[in-house]
C-alpha atoms as a PDB file:
ATOM      1  CA  UNK A   1      26.360  26.302  63.435  1.00  0.00           C
ATOM      2  CA  UNK A   2      28.897  27.015  60.757  1.00  0.00           C
ATOM      3  CA  UNK A   3      29.301  23.302  60.090  1.00  0.00           C
ATOM      4  CA  UNK A   4      25.525  22.919  59.648  1.00  0.00           C
ATOM      5  CA  UNK A   5      25.474  25.806  57.208  1.00  0.00           C
ATOM      6  CA  UNK A   6      28.328  24.268  55.234  1.00  0.00           C
ATOM      7  CA  UNK A   7      26.501  20.900  55.141  1.00  0.00           C
ATOM      8  CA  UNK A   8      23.288  22.538  53.929  1.00  0.00           C
ATOM      9  CA  UNK A   9      25.233  24.419  51.271  1.00  0.00           C
ATOM     10  CA  UNK A  10      26.992  21.227  50.084  1.00  0.00           C
ATOM     11  CA  UNK A  11      23.688  19.345  50.088  1.00  0.00           C
ATOM     12  CA  UNK A  12      22.054  22.144  48.008  1.00  0.00           C
ATOM     13  CA  UNK A  13      24.909  22.088  45.503  1.00  0.00           C
ATOM     14  CA  UNK A  14      24.619  18.295  45.160  1.00  0.00           C
ATOM     15  CA  UNK A  15      20.850  18.500  44.601  1.00  0.00           C
ATOM     16  CA  UNK A  16      21.216  21.238  41.969  1.00  0.00           C
ATOM     17  CA  UNK A  17      24.040  19.306  40.277  1.00  0.00           C
ATOM     18  CA  UNK A  18      21.871  16.140  40.264  1.00  0.00           C
ATOM     19  CA  UNK A  19      18.940  17.981  38.696  1.00  0.00           C
ATOM     20  CA  UNK A  20      21.231  19.360  35.981  1.00  0.00           C
ATOM     21  CA  UNK A  21      22.612  15.862  35.267  1.00  0.00           C
ATOM     22  CA  UNK A  22      19.136  14.363  35.030  1.00  0.00           C
ATOM     23  CA  UNK A  23      18.042  17.120  32.637  1.00  0.00           C
ATOM     24  CA  UNK A  24      21.133  16.739  30.439  1.00  0.00           C
ATOM     25  CA  UNK A  25      20.819  12.967  30.350  1.00  0.00           C
ATOM     26  CA  UNK A  26      17.166  13.167  29.359  1.00  0.00           C
ATOM     27  CA  UNK A  27      17.821  15.614  26.512  1.00  0.00           C
ATOM     28  CA  UNK A  28      20.883  13.748  25.202  1.00  0.00           C
ATOM     29  CA  UNK A  29      19.142  10.347  25.283  1.00  0.00           C
ATOM     30  CA  UNK A  30      16.106  11.817  23.590  1.00  0.00           C
ATOM     31  CA  UNK A  31      18.181  12.831  20.579  1.00  0.00           C
ATOM     32  CA  UNK A  32      20.153   9.584  20.378  1.00  0.00           C
ATOM     33  CA  UNK A  33      17.191   7.221  20.506  1.00  0.00           C
ATOM     34  CA  UNK A  34      15.412   6.601  17.191  1.00  0.00           C
ATOM     35  CA  UNK A  35      11.700   6.138  17.427  1.00  0.00           C
ATOM     36  CA  UNK A  36       9.480   4.634  14.770  1.00  0.00           C
ATOM     37  CA  UNK A  37       8.388   8.194  13.926  1.00  0.00           C
ATOM     38  CA  UNK A  38      11.892   9.035  12.743  1.00  0.00           C
ATOM     39  CA  UNK A  39      11.741   6.459   9.926  1.00  0.00           C
ATOM     40  CA  UNK A  40      10.087   7.504   6.660  1.00  0.00           C
ATOM     41  CA  UNK A  41       6.544   6.279   6.197  1.00  0.00           C
ATOM     42  CA  UNK A  42       5.656   4.590   2.936  1.00  0.00           C
ATOM     43  CA  UNK A  43       2.487   6.176   1.650  1.00  0.00           C
ATOM     44  CA  UNK A  44       2.869   5.372  -2.029  1.00  0.00           C
ATOM     45  CA  UNK A  45       3.978   2.222  -3.812  1.00  0.00           C
ATOM     46  CA  UNK A  46       5.508   2.512  -7.289  1.00  0.00           C
ATOM     47  CA  UNK A  47       3.941   0.278  -9.955  1.00  0.00           C
ATOM     48  CA  UNK A  48       5.630  -1.110 -13.053  1.00  0.00           C
ATOM     49  CA  UNK A  49       3.899   1.508 -15.238  1.00  0.00           C
ATOM     50  CA  UNK A  50       4.996   4.402 -13.011  1.00  0.00           C
ATOM     51  CA  UNK A  51       1.723   4.924 -11.131  1.00  0.00           C
ATOM     52  CA  UNK A  52       2.032   5.509  -7.404  1.00  0.00           C
ATOM     53  CA  UNK A  53      -0.678   3.681  -5.476  1.00  0.00           C
ATOM     54  CA  UNK A  54      -1.706   3.730  -1.818  1.00  0.00           C
ATOM     55  CA  UNK A  55      -1.648   0.045  -0.853  1.00  0.00           C
ATOM     56  CA  UNK A  56      -0.090  -3.292  -1.702  1.00  0.00           C
ATOM     57  CA  UNK A  57      -3.467  -4.512  -2.945  1.00  0.00           C
ATOM     58  CA  UNK A  58      -3.658  -1.620  -5.399  1.00  0.00           C
ATOM     59  CA  UNK A  59      -0.061  -2.346  -6.411  1.00  0.00           C
ATOM     60  CA  UNK A  60      -0.978  -5.925  -7.352  1.00  0.00           C
ATOM     61  CA  UNK A  61      -4.050  -4.837  -9.326  1.00  0.00           C
ATOM     62  CA  UNK A  62      -2.275  -2.010 -11.169  1.00  0.00           C
ATOM     63  CA  UNK A  63       0.685  -4.215 -12.083  1.00  0.00           C
ATOM     64  CA  UNK A  64      -1.686  -6.913 -13.352  1.00  0.00           C
ATOM     65  CA  UNK A  65      -3.513  -4.416 -15.588  1.00  0.00           C
ATOM     66  CA  UNK A  66      -0.123  -3.301 -16.907  1.00  0.00           C
ATOM     67  CA  UNK A  67       0.915  -6.922 -17.379  1.00  0.00           C
ATOM     68  CA  UNK A  68      -2.239  -7.633 -19.428  1.00  0.00           C
ATOM     69  CA  UNK A  69      -1.495  -4.632 -21.625  1.00  0.00           C
ATOM     70  CA  UNK A  70      -4.704  -2.826 -20.649  1.00  0.00           C
ATOM     71  CA  UNK A  71      -4.311   0.954 -20.722  1.00  0.00           C
ATOM     72  CA  UNK A  72      -5.674   2.528 -17.558  1.00  0.00           C
ATOM     73  CA  UNK A  73      -5.703   5.710 -15.524  1.00  0.00           C
ATOM     74  CA  UNK A  74      -5.392   5.774 -11.756  1.00  0.00           C
ATOM     75  CA  UNK A  75      -7.300   7.924  -9.254  1.00  0.00           C
ATOM     76  CA  UNK A  76      -8.826  10.654 -11.333  1.00  0.00           C
ATOM     77  CA  UNK A  77     -11.935  12.641 -10.476  1.00  0.00           C
ATOM     78  CA  UNK A  78     -15.350  11.801 -11.873  1.00  0.00           C
ATOM     79  CA  UNK A  79     -18.558  13.772 -11.382  1.00  0.00           C
ATOM     80  CA  UNK A  80     -21.757  11.730 -11.136  1.00  0.00           C
ATOM     81  CA  UNK A  81     -25.069  13.446 -10.385  1.00  0.00           C
ATOM     82  CA  UNK A  82     -23.299  16.390  -8.790  1.00  0.00           C
ATOM     83  CA  UNK A  83     -21.069  14.197  -6.623  1.00  0.00           C
ATOM     84  CA  UNK A  84     -17.308  14.323  -6.921  1.00  0.00           C
ATOM     85  CA  UNK A  85     -15.880  10.780  -6.937  1.00  0.00           C
ATOM     86  CA  UNK A  86     -12.319   9.602  -7.133  1.00  0.00           C
ATOM     87  CA  UNK A  87     -12.267   6.257  -8.882  1.00  0.00           C
ATOM     88  CA  UNK A  88      -9.409   3.786  -8.471  1.00  0.00           C
ATOM     89  CA  UNK A  89      -8.923   2.863 -12.157  1.00  0.00           C
ATOM     90  CA  UNK A  90     -10.572   3.680 -15.450  1.00  0.00           C
ATOM     91  CA  UNK A  91     -10.054   1.625 -18.608  1.00  0.00           C
ATOM     92  CA  UNK A  92     -10.668   4.191 -21.386  1.00  0.00           C
ATOM     93  CA  UNK A  93     -10.712   1.679 -24.251  1.00  0.00           C
ATOM     94  CA  UNK A  94     -13.582  -0.207 -22.633  1.00  0.00           C
ATOM     95  CA  UNK A  95     -15.275   2.577 -20.607  1.00  0.00           C
ATOM     96  CA  UNK A  96     -14.943   0.429 -17.455  1.00  0.00           C
ATOM     97  CA  UNK A  97     -14.252   1.627 -13.910  1.00  0.00           C
ATOM     98  CA  UNK A  98     -12.486  -0.494 -11.306  1.00  0.00           C
ATOM     99  CA  UNK A  99     -12.880   0.027  -7.569  1.00  0.00           C
ATOM    100  CA  UNK A 100     -10.813  -1.806  -4.975  1.00  0.00           C
ATOM    101  CA  UNK A 101     -12.586  -1.842  -1.630  1.00  0.00           C
ATOM    102  CA  UNK A 102      -9.577  -2.341   0.620  1.00  0.00           C
ATOM    103  CA  UNK A 103     -10.691  -0.637   3.822  1.00  0.00           C
ATOM    104  CA  UNK A 104     -13.477  -0.867   6.358  1.00  0.00           C
ATOM    105  CA  UNK A 105     -15.126   1.397   8.872  1.00  0.00           C
ATOM    106  CA  UNK A 106     -18.448   3.215   9.027  1.00  0.00           C
ATOM    107  CA  UNK A 107     -17.413   6.265   6.990  1.00  0.00           C
ATOM    108  CA  UNK A 108     -15.704   4.134   4.341  1.00  0.00           C
ATOM    109  CA  UNK A 109     -18.643   1.740   4.010  1.00  0.00           C
ATOM    110  CA  UNK A 110     -21.047   4.665   3.738  1.00  0.00           C
ATOM    111  CA  UNK A 111     -18.913   6.158   0.960  1.00  0.00           C
ATOM    112  CA  UNK A 112     -18.708   2.747  -0.724  1.00  0.00           C
ATOM    113  CA  UNK A 113     -22.503   2.434  -0.750  1.00  0.00           C
ATOM    114  CA  UNK A 114     -22.861   5.940  -2.208  1.00  0.00           C
ATOM    115  CA  UNK A 115     -20.318   5.177  -4.951  1.00  0.00           C
ATOM    116  CA  UNK A 116     -21.985   1.864  -5.842  1.00  0.00           C
ATOM    117  CA  UNK A 117     -25.398   3.552  -6.041  1.00  0.00           C
ATOM    118  CA  UNK A 118     -24.058   6.329  -8.275  1.00  0.00           C
ATOM    119  CA  UNK A 119     -22.302   3.909 -10.631  1.00  0.00           C
ATOM    120  CA  UNK A 120     -25.527   1.899 -10.888  1.00  0.00           C
ATOM    121  CA  UNK A 121     -27.805   4.936 -11.444  1.00  0.00           C
ATOM    122  CA  UNK A 122     -25.487   6.286 -14.142  1.00  0.00           C
ATOM    123  CA  UNK A 123     -25.243   2.809 -15.739  1.00  0.00           C
ATOM    124  CA  UNK A 124     -21.453   2.814 -15.537  1.00  0.00           C
ATOM    125  CA  UNK A 125     -19.569  -0.430 -16.053  1.00  0.00           C
ATOM    126  CA  UNK A 126     -17.957  -1.253 -12.731  1.00  0.00           C
ATOM    127  CA  UNK A 127     -15.599  -3.975 -11.576  1.00  0.00           C
ATOM    128  CA  UNK A 128     -15.649  -4.229  -7.774  1.00  0.00           C
ATOM    129  CA  UNK A 129     -12.689  -5.943  -6.135  1.00  0.00           C
ATOM    130  CA  UNK A 130     -12.969  -6.940  -2.483  1.00  0.00           C
ATOM    131  CA  UNK A 131     -10.194  -7.975  -0.089  1.00  0.00           C
ATOM    132  CA  UNK A 132     -11.410 -11.574   0.115  1.00  0.00           C
ATOM    133  CA  UNK A 133     -10.709 -11.967  -3.625  1.00  0.00           C
ATOM    134  CA  UNK A 134      -6.956 -11.852  -3.030  1.00  0.00           C
ATOM    135  CA  UNK A 135      -6.858 -15.557  -2.195  1.00  0.00           C
ATOM    136  CA  UNK A 136      -6.782 -16.025  -6.010  1.00  0.00           C
ATOM    137  CA  UNK A 137      -6.687 -12.453  -7.273  1.00  0.00           C
ATOM    138  CA  UNK A 138      -5.676 -13.086 -10.884  1.00  0.00           C
ATOM    139  CA  UNK A 139      -8.445 -15.594 -11.543  1.00  0.00           C
ATOM    140  CA  UNK A 140     -10.966 -13.319  -9.823  1.00  0.00           C
ATOM    141  CA  UNK A 141      -9.875 -10.232 -11.780  1.00  0.00           C
ATOM    142  CA  UNK A 142     -10.055 -12.197 -15.031  1.00  0.00           C
ATOM    143  CA  UNK A 143     -13.612 -13.340 -14.266  1.00  0.00           C
ATOM    144  CA  UNK A 144     -14.699  -9.800 -13.425  1.00  0.00           C
ATOM    145  CA  UNK A 145     -12.999  -8.208 -16.428  1.00  0.00           C
ATOM    146  CA  UNK A 146     -14.373 -10.798 -18.863  1.00  0.00           C
ATOM    147  CA  UNK A 147     -17.852  -9.372 -18.205  1.00  0.00           C
ATOM    148  CA  UNK A 148     -16.781  -6.231 -20.100  1.00  0.00           C
ATOM    149  CA  UNK A 149     -13.774  -7.089 -22.248  1.00  0.00           C
ATOM    150  CA  UNK A 150     -12.035  -9.952 -23.932  1.00  0.00           C
ATOM    151  CA  UNK A 151      -8.725 -10.789 -22.330  1.00  0.00           C
ATOM    152  CA  UNK A 152      -6.128 -11.887 -24.848  1.00  0.00           C
ATOM    153  CA  UNK A 153      -4.837 -15.096 -23.299  1.00  0.00           C
ATOM    154  CA  UNK A 154      -1.777 -15.130 -25.611  1.00  0.00           C
ATOM    155  CA  UNK A 155      -0.499 -11.993 -23.869  1.00  0.00           C
ATOM    156  CA  UNK A 156      -0.212 -13.811 -20.569  1.00  0.00           C
ATOM    157  CA  UNK A 157       3.274 -14.319 -19.320  1.00  0.00           C
ATOM    158  CA  UNK A 158       4.239 -17.948 -19.616  1.00  0.00           C
ATOM    159  CA  UNK A 159       7.427 -19.060 -17.943  1.00  0.00           C
ATOM    160  CA  UNK A 160       9.973 -20.237 -20.445  1.00  0.00           C
ATOM    161  CA  UNK A 161      11.317 -23.693 -19.791  1.00  0.00           C
ATOM    162  CA  UNK A 162      14.545 -23.174 -17.977  1.00  0.00           C
ATOM    163  CA  UNK A 163      17.504 -25.415 -17.691  1.00  0.00           C
ATOM    164  CA  UNK A 164      17.729 -27.424 -14.504  1.00  0.00           C
ATOM    165  CA  UNK A 165      20.868 -27.498 -12.438  1.00  0.00           C
ATOM    166  CA  UNK A 166      22.043 -29.708  -9.590  1.00  0.00           C
ATOM    167  CA  UNK A 167      21.570 -27.937  -6.282  1.00  0.00           C
ATOM    168  CA  UNK A 168      24.769 -29.469  -4.865  1.00  0.00           C
ATOM    169  CA  UNK A 169      27.367 -29.096  -7.620  1.00  0.00           C
ATOM    170  CA  UNK A 170      25.666 -26.771 -10.135  1.00  0.00           C
ATOM    171  CA  UNK A 171      26.070 -28.895 -13.256  1.00  0.00           C
ATOM    172  CA  UNK A 172      23.300 -28.845 -15.856  1.00  0.00           C
ATOM    173  CA  UNK A 173      20.818 -31.728 -15.612  1.00  0.00           C
ATOM    174  CA  UNK A 174      19.344 -33.465 -18.639  1.00  0.00           C
ATOM    175  CA  UNK A 175      15.657 -34.129 -19.425  1.00  0.00           C
ATOM    176  CA  UNK A 176      15.506 -37.116 -17.027  1.00  0.00           C
ATOM    177  CA  UNK A 177      15.322 -34.770 -14.040  1.00  0.00           C
END
């Protein structure tokens, strides 16, 4: 009887010890393992002019406006017919608004329709940029902007002719190559 009691006691101690080990292992592993939540999320992209935008599409558009030398404001509030709207860009010199429609979904599309209607009713100059336009974004932006302003083509960045070098040895190549 005593031997059975000793066995039960040893078995109980082993079970309790096992539970403690499992608990400790779970808590230690939990702190060692990095999940994707532990990495910082990028919610703003910094543009060349210092603006912080929400998406890579907005980054491209904002940098292009900066590149063209067009002064612009980003995401300010506008009141139209009692509705509070946050526009994407406003070009104060030309009184032109730019909206980039980069999302989808029922709520977003409903808001898009409301914004388009308000811009139209208030006779505001609007440039609408859709996601599909990114296949040739610079040409598309130029076409849309030229409806309201003259783009100075001399301001465009033109790559300077660079010297050519041999990819194997690095010596400078002449005009034959």
